[in-house]
N, C-alpha and C. Protein backbone atom coordinates (compact mmCIF):
# COMPACT_ATOMS: atom_id res chain seq x y z
N MET A 1 25.45 100.12 142.92
CA MET A 1 26.62 99.47 142.39
C MET A 1 27.75 100.47 142.19
N THR A 2 28.09 101.17 143.22
CA THR A 2 29.16 102.15 143.11
C THR A 2 30.43 101.58 143.69
N HIS A 3 31.54 101.99 143.12
CA HIS A 3 32.85 101.58 143.60
C HIS A 3 33.48 102.78 144.27
N THR A 4 34.22 102.53 145.34
CA THR A 4 34.80 103.63 146.09
C THR A 4 36.31 103.54 146.23
N THR A 5 36.94 102.63 145.52
CA THR A 5 38.38 102.47 145.64
C THR A 5 39.08 103.63 144.94
N SER A 6 39.96 104.32 145.67
CA SER A 6 40.68 105.43 145.06
C SER A 6 42.07 105.00 144.61
N ASN A 7 42.66 104.04 145.27
CA ASN A 7 43.99 103.57 144.92
C ASN A 7 43.87 102.38 143.97
N PRO A 8 44.31 102.51 142.73
CA PRO A 8 44.13 101.42 141.76
C PRO A 8 44.95 100.17 142.09
N LYS A 9 45.95 100.26 142.98
CA LYS A 9 46.76 99.10 143.33
C LYS A 9 46.08 98.21 144.36
N ILE A 10 45.00 98.69 144.97
CA ILE A 10 44.32 97.92 146.01
C ILE A 10 43.31 96.98 145.38
N HIS A 11 43.38 95.71 145.75
CA HIS A 11 42.48 94.67 145.25
C HIS A 11 41.52 94.34 146.38
N GLU A 12 40.30 94.86 146.31
CA GLU A 12 39.35 94.72 147.42
C GLU A 12 39.00 93.26 147.69
N GLY A 13 38.86 92.47 146.65
CA GLY A 13 38.52 91.05 146.84
C GLY A 13 39.62 90.32 147.59
N ARG A 14 40.87 90.58 147.23
CA ARG A 14 42.00 89.96 147.92
C ARG A 14 42.04 90.43 149.38
N ASN A 15 41.77 91.71 149.60
CA ASN A 15 41.76 92.23 150.97
C ASN A 15 40.64 91.57 151.77
N LEU A 16 39.48 91.41 151.17
CA LEU A 16 38.37 90.74 151.83
C LEU A 16 38.79 89.33 152.24
N LYS A 17 39.44 88.62 151.32
CA LYS A 17 39.89 87.25 151.61
C LYS A 17 40.88 87.25 152.78
N ARG A 18 41.82 88.20 152.78
CA ARG A 18 42.81 88.26 153.87
C ARG A 18 42.13 88.45 155.22
N PHE A 19 41.22 89.41 155.29
CA PHE A 19 40.53 89.66 156.55
C PHE A 19 39.68 88.46 156.96
N ARG A 20 38.99 87.84 156.00
CA ARG A 20 38.16 86.68 156.31
C ARG A 20 39.02 85.55 156.87
N GLU A 21 40.18 85.32 156.25
CA GLU A 21 41.07 84.26 156.71
C GLU A 21 41.68 84.60 158.08
N MET A 22 42.04 85.87 158.28
CA MET A 22 42.58 86.26 159.59
C MET A 22 41.56 86.02 160.70
N LEU A 23 40.29 86.18 160.37
CA LEU A 23 39.23 85.97 161.35
C LEU A 23 38.77 84.52 161.40
N ALA A 24 39.41 83.66 160.61
CA ALA A 24 39.12 82.21 160.58
C ALA A 24 37.65 81.95 160.23
N ILE A 25 37.16 82.68 159.24
CA ILE A 25 35.79 82.49 158.78
C ILE A 25 35.85 81.84 157.40
N LYS A 26 35.15 80.74 157.26
CA LYS A 26 35.11 80.01 155.99
C LYS A 26 34.18 80.72 155.00
N GLN A 27 34.42 80.48 153.73
CA GLN A 27 33.57 81.07 152.70
C GLN A 27 32.11 80.63 152.87
N ASP A 28 31.90 79.37 153.25
CA ASP A 28 30.54 78.87 153.47
C ASP A 28 29.83 79.66 154.56
N ALA A 29 30.55 79.94 155.65
CA ALA A 29 29.96 80.67 156.77
C ALA A 29 29.62 82.10 156.36
N LEU A 30 30.49 82.72 155.59
CA LEU A 30 30.22 84.08 155.11
C LEU A 30 29.01 84.06 154.18
N ALA A 31 28.93 83.08 153.31
CA ALA A 31 27.79 82.95 152.40
C ALA A 31 26.49 82.79 153.18
N PHE A 32 26.52 81.97 154.24
CA PHE A 32 25.34 81.76 155.07
C PHE A 32 24.87 83.08 155.68
N GLU A 33 25.83 83.87 156.17
CA GLU A 33 25.49 85.15 156.79
C GLU A 33 24.98 86.16 155.76
N LEU A 34 25.45 86.05 154.52
CA LEU A 34 25.01 86.99 153.48
C LEU A 34 23.59 86.71 153.00
N GLY A 35 23.11 85.50 153.18
CA GLY A 35 21.73 85.20 152.82
C GLY A 35 21.59 84.06 151.84
N GLU A 36 20.32 83.78 151.51
CA GLU A 36 19.99 82.62 150.67
C GLU A 36 20.56 82.70 149.26
N ASP A 37 20.77 83.91 148.74
CA ASP A 37 21.28 84.06 147.38
C ASP A 37 22.77 83.75 147.27
N TRP A 38 23.41 83.51 148.40
CA TRP A 38 24.86 83.34 148.41
C TRP A 38 25.25 81.90 148.68
N ASN A 39 26.40 81.50 148.10
CA ASN A 39 26.99 80.19 148.39
C ASN A 39 28.51 80.36 148.37
N GLN A 40 29.22 79.29 148.66
CA GLN A 40 30.69 79.34 148.75
C GLN A 40 31.30 79.80 147.43
N GLN A 41 30.77 79.32 146.31
CA GLN A 41 31.34 79.70 145.02
C GLN A 41 31.15 81.18 144.72
N LYS A 42 30.02 81.73 145.12
CA LYS A 42 29.76 83.15 144.88
C LYS A 42 30.70 84.01 145.73
N VAL A 43 30.98 83.57 146.97
CA VAL A 43 31.94 84.29 147.82
C VAL A 43 33.33 84.20 147.20
N SER A 44 33.69 83.02 146.68
CA SER A 44 34.99 82.86 146.03
C SER A 44 35.13 83.82 144.84
N LEU A 45 34.08 83.93 144.05
CA LEU A 45 34.10 84.86 142.91
C LEU A 45 34.21 86.31 143.38
N LEU A 46 33.53 86.62 144.47
CA LEU A 46 33.60 87.97 145.03
C LEU A 46 35.03 88.31 145.44
N GLU A 47 35.72 87.34 146.02
CA GLU A 47 37.09 87.56 146.47
C GLU A 47 38.07 87.69 145.30
N GLN A 48 37.66 87.31 144.12
CA GLN A 48 38.52 87.45 142.94
C GLN A 48 38.36 88.81 142.26
N ARG A 49 37.32 89.55 142.66
CA ARG A 49 37.04 90.84 142.03
C ARG A 49 37.97 91.92 142.59
N GLU A 50 38.49 92.73 141.68
CA GLU A 50 39.37 93.82 142.09
C GLU A 50 38.61 94.89 142.84
N LYS A 51 37.40 95.19 142.37
CA LYS A 51 36.55 96.19 143.03
C LYS A 51 35.23 95.51 143.39
N ILE A 52 34.74 95.80 144.59
CA ILE A 52 33.50 95.21 145.09
C ILE A 52 32.48 96.32 145.23
N ASP A 53 31.25 96.05 144.81
CA ASP A 53 30.18 97.04 144.93
C ASP A 53 30.08 97.49 146.38
N SER A 54 29.86 98.77 146.55
CA SER A 54 29.87 99.40 147.86
C SER A 54 28.87 98.76 148.82
N ASP A 55 27.64 98.48 148.33
CA ASP A 55 26.62 97.93 149.23
C ASP A 55 27.00 96.52 149.71
N ILE A 56 27.57 95.72 148.84
CA ILE A 56 28.00 94.36 149.23
C ILE A 56 29.19 94.45 150.18
N LEU A 57 30.11 95.36 149.89
CA LEU A 57 31.28 95.53 150.75
C LEU A 57 30.86 95.95 152.16
N GLU A 58 29.91 96.85 152.27
CA GLU A 58 29.40 97.28 153.57
C GLU A 58 28.77 96.11 154.32
N GLN A 59 28.01 95.30 153.59
CA GLN A 59 27.35 94.14 154.19
C GLN A 59 28.38 93.13 154.72
N VAL A 60 29.38 92.84 153.90
CA VAL A 60 30.43 91.89 154.30
C VAL A 60 31.22 92.44 155.49
N ALA A 61 31.54 93.72 155.45
CA ALA A 61 32.29 94.34 156.55
C ALA A 61 31.51 94.24 157.86
N ALA A 62 30.20 94.44 157.79
CA ALA A 62 29.37 94.34 159.00
C ALA A 62 29.39 92.91 159.55
N ILE A 63 29.35 91.93 158.65
CA ILE A 63 29.39 90.53 159.08
C ILE A 63 30.73 90.21 159.73
N LEU A 64 31.83 90.71 159.12
CA LEU A 64 33.16 90.45 159.66
C LEU A 64 33.47 91.33 160.87
N LYS A 65 32.60 92.31 161.11
CA LYS A 65 32.75 93.25 162.23
C LYS A 65 34.05 94.05 162.11
N ILE A 66 34.29 94.53 160.89
CA ILE A 66 35.43 95.41 160.64
C ILE A 66 34.93 96.58 159.81
N PRO A 67 35.60 97.70 159.84
CA PRO A 67 35.17 98.83 159.01
C PRO A 67 35.37 98.51 157.53
N ALA A 68 34.42 98.94 156.71
CA ALA A 68 34.52 98.72 155.27
C ALA A 68 35.77 99.41 154.72
N GLU A 69 36.14 100.52 155.33
CA GLU A 69 37.33 101.24 154.89
C GLU A 69 38.59 100.39 155.04
N ALA A 70 38.60 99.49 156.00
CA ALA A 70 39.76 98.61 156.18
C ALA A 70 39.95 97.74 154.93
N ILE A 71 38.84 97.25 154.39
CA ILE A 71 38.91 96.42 153.18
C ILE A 71 39.25 97.29 151.98
N ARG A 72 38.64 98.48 151.92
CA ARG A 72 38.85 99.36 150.77
C ARG A 72 40.28 99.89 150.69
N ASN A 73 40.90 100.14 151.83
CA ASN A 73 42.17 100.87 151.85
C ASN A 73 43.39 100.05 152.25
N PHE A 74 43.21 98.77 152.59
CA PHE A 74 44.36 97.98 153.03
C PHE A 74 45.31 97.77 151.86
N ASP A 75 46.54 98.19 152.05
CA ASP A 75 47.58 98.04 151.04
C ASP A 75 48.74 97.29 151.69
N GLU A 76 48.95 96.05 151.27
CA GLU A 76 49.96 95.20 151.90
C GLU A 76 51.35 95.83 151.85
N ASN A 77 51.72 96.41 150.71
CA ASN A 77 53.05 97.03 150.60
C ASN A 77 53.20 98.18 151.56
N GLN A 78 52.14 98.97 151.71
CA GLN A 78 52.18 100.10 152.64
C GLN A 78 52.33 99.59 154.08
N ALA A 79 51.59 98.54 154.42
CA ALA A 79 51.67 97.97 155.77
C ALA A 79 53.07 97.45 156.06
N ILE A 80 53.67 96.77 155.08
CA ILE A 80 55.03 96.25 155.27
C ILE A 80 56.02 97.40 155.46
N ASN A 81 55.87 98.46 154.66
CA ASN A 81 56.75 99.63 154.80
C ASN A 81 56.62 100.26 156.18
N ILE A 82 55.40 100.39 156.67
CA ILE A 82 55.19 100.98 157.99
C ILE A 82 55.85 100.12 159.07
N ILE A 83 55.64 98.82 159.00
CA ILE A 83 56.23 97.92 159.99
C ILE A 83 57.75 97.96 159.90
N THR A 84 58.29 97.93 158.70
CA THR A 84 59.74 97.95 158.50
C THR A 84 60.35 99.23 159.04
N ASN A 85 59.69 100.35 158.82
CA ASN A 85 60.24 101.63 159.24
C ASN A 85 60.00 101.96 160.70
N THR A 86 59.13 101.24 161.36
CA THR A 86 58.82 101.60 162.76
C THR A 86 59.06 100.48 163.76
N TYR A 87 59.51 99.31 163.32
CA TYR A 87 59.65 98.20 164.28
C TYR A 87 60.61 98.53 165.42
N HIS A 88 61.62 99.34 165.16
CA HIS A 88 62.59 99.68 166.19
C HIS A 88 62.02 100.64 167.22
N ASP A 89 60.84 101.21 166.96
CA ASP A 89 60.21 102.13 167.90
C ASP A 89 59.41 101.42 168.97
N PHE A 90 59.19 100.12 168.82
CA PHE A 90 58.39 99.41 169.81
C PHE A 90 59.14 99.35 171.14
N LYS A 91 58.45 99.75 172.19
CA LYS A 91 59.06 99.84 173.52
C LYS A 91 59.47 98.48 174.07
N ASP A 92 58.60 97.50 173.94
CA ASP A 92 58.85 96.19 174.55
C ASP A 92 59.30 95.16 173.53
N SER A 93 60.02 95.59 172.52
CA SER A 93 60.44 94.67 171.48
C SER A 93 61.42 93.64 172.04
N ALA A 94 61.25 92.40 171.59
CA ALA A 94 62.15 91.34 172.03
C ALA A 94 63.42 91.32 171.18
N PHE A 95 63.43 92.07 170.10
CA PHE A 95 64.57 92.08 169.19
C PHE A 95 65.39 93.34 169.42
N VAL A 96 66.67 93.18 169.66
CA VAL A 96 67.56 94.32 169.86
C VAL A 96 68.66 94.23 168.82
N ASN A 97 68.89 95.31 168.10
CA ASN A 97 69.93 95.32 167.08
C ASN A 97 70.97 96.36 167.48
N ASN A 98 72.16 95.92 167.78
CA ASN A 98 73.22 96.85 168.20
C ASN A 98 74.04 97.36 167.01
N GLY A 99 73.59 97.06 165.82
CA GLY A 99 74.30 97.53 164.63
C GLY A 99 75.13 96.45 163.97
N ASN A 100 75.59 95.48 164.73
CA ASN A 100 76.42 94.43 164.16
C ASN A 100 75.65 93.12 164.06
N THR A 101 75.42 92.51 165.19
CA THR A 101 74.78 91.22 165.23
C THR A 101 73.47 91.33 166.00
N PRO A 102 72.39 90.82 165.45
CA PRO A 102 71.13 90.90 166.19
C PRO A 102 71.16 89.98 167.40
N THR A 103 70.60 90.43 168.49
CA THR A 103 70.48 89.62 169.70
C THR A 103 69.04 89.69 170.16
N PHE A 104 68.66 88.76 171.01
CA PHE A 104 67.30 88.72 171.52
C PHE A 104 67.31 89.00 173.01
N ASN A 105 66.41 89.87 173.40
CA ASN A 105 66.25 90.23 174.80
C ASN A 105 64.87 89.77 175.22
N VAL A 106 64.78 88.58 175.79
CA VAL A 106 63.50 87.99 176.11
C VAL A 106 63.39 87.81 177.62
N ASN A 107 62.29 88.32 178.19
CA ASN A 107 61.98 88.13 179.59
C ASN A 107 60.97 86.99 179.65
N PRO A 108 61.37 85.79 180.11
CA PRO A 108 60.48 84.64 180.04
C PRO A 108 59.20 84.82 180.86
N ILE A 109 59.26 85.47 182.00
CA ILE A 109 58.06 85.67 182.81
C ILE A 109 57.07 86.56 182.06
N GLU A 110 57.59 87.60 181.44
CA GLU A 110 56.73 88.51 180.67
C GLU A 110 56.10 87.77 179.48
N GLU A 111 56.89 86.93 178.82
CA GLU A 111 56.37 86.16 177.69
C GLU A 111 55.27 85.20 178.14
N ILE A 112 55.46 84.56 179.28
CA ILE A 112 54.44 83.64 179.82
C ILE A 112 53.18 84.41 180.15
N ARG A 113 53.33 85.60 180.74
CA ARG A 113 52.17 86.42 181.08
C ARG A 113 51.41 86.82 179.81
N LYS A 114 52.15 87.21 178.77
CA LYS A 114 51.51 87.59 177.51
C LYS A 114 50.75 86.40 176.92
N LEU A 115 51.39 85.23 176.93
CA LEU A 115 50.74 84.04 176.39
C LEU A 115 49.47 83.72 177.17
N HIS A 116 49.54 83.85 178.49
CA HIS A 116 48.36 83.60 179.33
C HIS A 116 47.24 84.58 178.98
N ASP A 117 47.58 85.86 178.86
CA ASP A 117 46.58 86.88 178.52
C ASP A 117 45.96 86.59 177.15
N GLU A 118 46.80 86.21 176.19
CA GLU A 118 46.30 85.89 174.87
C GLU A 118 45.38 84.68 174.91
N LYS A 119 45.74 83.69 175.71
CA LYS A 119 44.91 82.50 175.84
C LYS A 119 43.56 82.84 176.45
N MET A 120 43.56 83.71 177.44
CA MET A 120 42.30 84.12 178.07
C MET A 120 41.43 84.90 177.08
N GLU A 121 42.03 85.78 176.31
CA GLU A 121 41.28 86.54 175.31
C GLU A 121 40.68 85.60 174.27
N LEU A 122 41.48 84.63 173.84
CA LEU A 122 41.00 83.65 172.87
C LEU A 122 39.84 82.86 173.45
N TYR A 123 39.96 82.44 174.69
CA TYR A 123 38.90 81.68 175.35
C TYR A 123 37.62 82.50 175.41
N GLU A 124 37.74 83.77 175.78
CA GLU A 124 36.56 84.64 175.87
C GLU A 124 35.93 84.84 174.49
N ARG A 125 36.78 85.00 173.45
CA ARG A 125 36.25 85.15 172.09
C ARG A 125 35.54 83.88 171.65
N MET A 126 36.12 82.73 172.01
CA MET A 126 35.50 81.46 171.63
C MET A 126 34.15 81.29 172.31
N LEU A 127 34.05 81.68 173.57
CA LEU A 127 32.78 81.60 174.28
C LEU A 127 31.74 82.51 173.62
N LYS A 128 32.16 83.71 173.27
CA LYS A 128 31.25 84.66 172.62
C LYS A 128 30.79 84.10 171.27
N GLU A 129 31.74 83.56 170.49
CA GLU A 129 31.38 82.99 169.19
C GLU A 129 30.45 81.80 169.35
N LYS A 130 30.66 80.99 170.40
CA LYS A 130 29.77 79.86 170.67
C LYS A 130 28.37 80.36 170.94
N ASP A 131 28.25 81.41 171.76
CA ASP A 131 26.93 81.97 172.06
C ASP A 131 26.27 82.51 170.81
N GLU A 132 27.05 83.19 169.95
CA GLU A 132 26.49 83.71 168.70
C GLU A 132 26.04 82.58 167.80
N MET A 133 26.85 81.52 167.72
CA MET A 133 26.50 80.37 166.88
C MET A 133 25.24 79.69 167.41
N MET A 134 25.12 79.56 168.73
CA MET A 134 23.92 78.97 169.32
C MET A 134 22.70 79.81 168.96
N GLY A 135 22.85 81.13 169.03
CA GLY A 135 21.75 82.01 168.66
C GLY A 135 21.34 81.83 167.21
N ARG A 136 22.34 81.72 166.33
CA ARG A 136 22.05 81.49 164.91
C ARG A 136 21.34 80.16 164.70
N LEU A 137 21.83 79.12 165.39
CA LEU A 137 21.19 77.80 165.25
C LEU A 137 19.76 77.83 165.77
N GLU A 138 19.54 78.52 166.89
CA GLU A 138 18.19 78.62 167.44
C GLU A 138 17.27 79.36 166.46
N ARG A 139 17.80 80.42 165.82
CA ARG A 139 16.99 81.15 164.82
C ARG A 139 16.69 80.24 163.63
N LEU A 140 17.71 79.47 163.21
CA LEU A 140 17.54 78.58 162.07
C LEU A 140 16.52 77.49 162.37
N ILE A 141 16.63 76.89 163.54
CA ILE A 141 15.70 75.83 163.93
C ILE A 141 14.31 76.41 164.15
N GLY A 142 14.25 77.59 164.76
CA GLY A 142 12.96 78.23 165.02
C GLY A 142 12.24 78.65 163.75
N GLY A 143 12.99 78.85 162.67
CA GLY A 143 12.39 79.28 161.41
C GLY A 143 11.75 78.15 160.62
N ARG A 144 11.86 76.93 161.09
CA ARG A 144 11.31 75.78 160.35
C ARG A 144 9.85 75.63 160.56
């Protein structure tokens, strides 16, 4: 039951919730993966905790397939500052600011290509998740 948060402004439970939501994983699904002792309400309570026990955090991070350090160290204000201070450095940015009025420089063919690539990645992820879910269901049915 050790805590590893060094920055007191970081709320590990809130960070866990953000990552879980970004990955479109429901609290019920996370509870199922954590084991029989877990349910949706227990995951909800976990997400309300400012500091999460290291062993539980490692377990949750493994389920979400993200590094535990991402949950421990994610600071929303820091992320916003980094994005704000570096957005103009992006090579293929669609936003161009000439100092007076913002204008948009959009290449429609490039945007269509990006959307297509994103759609293909999403499709591949969905297929992988379907296979993983089928495996889980087979294990669940086989355990009866």
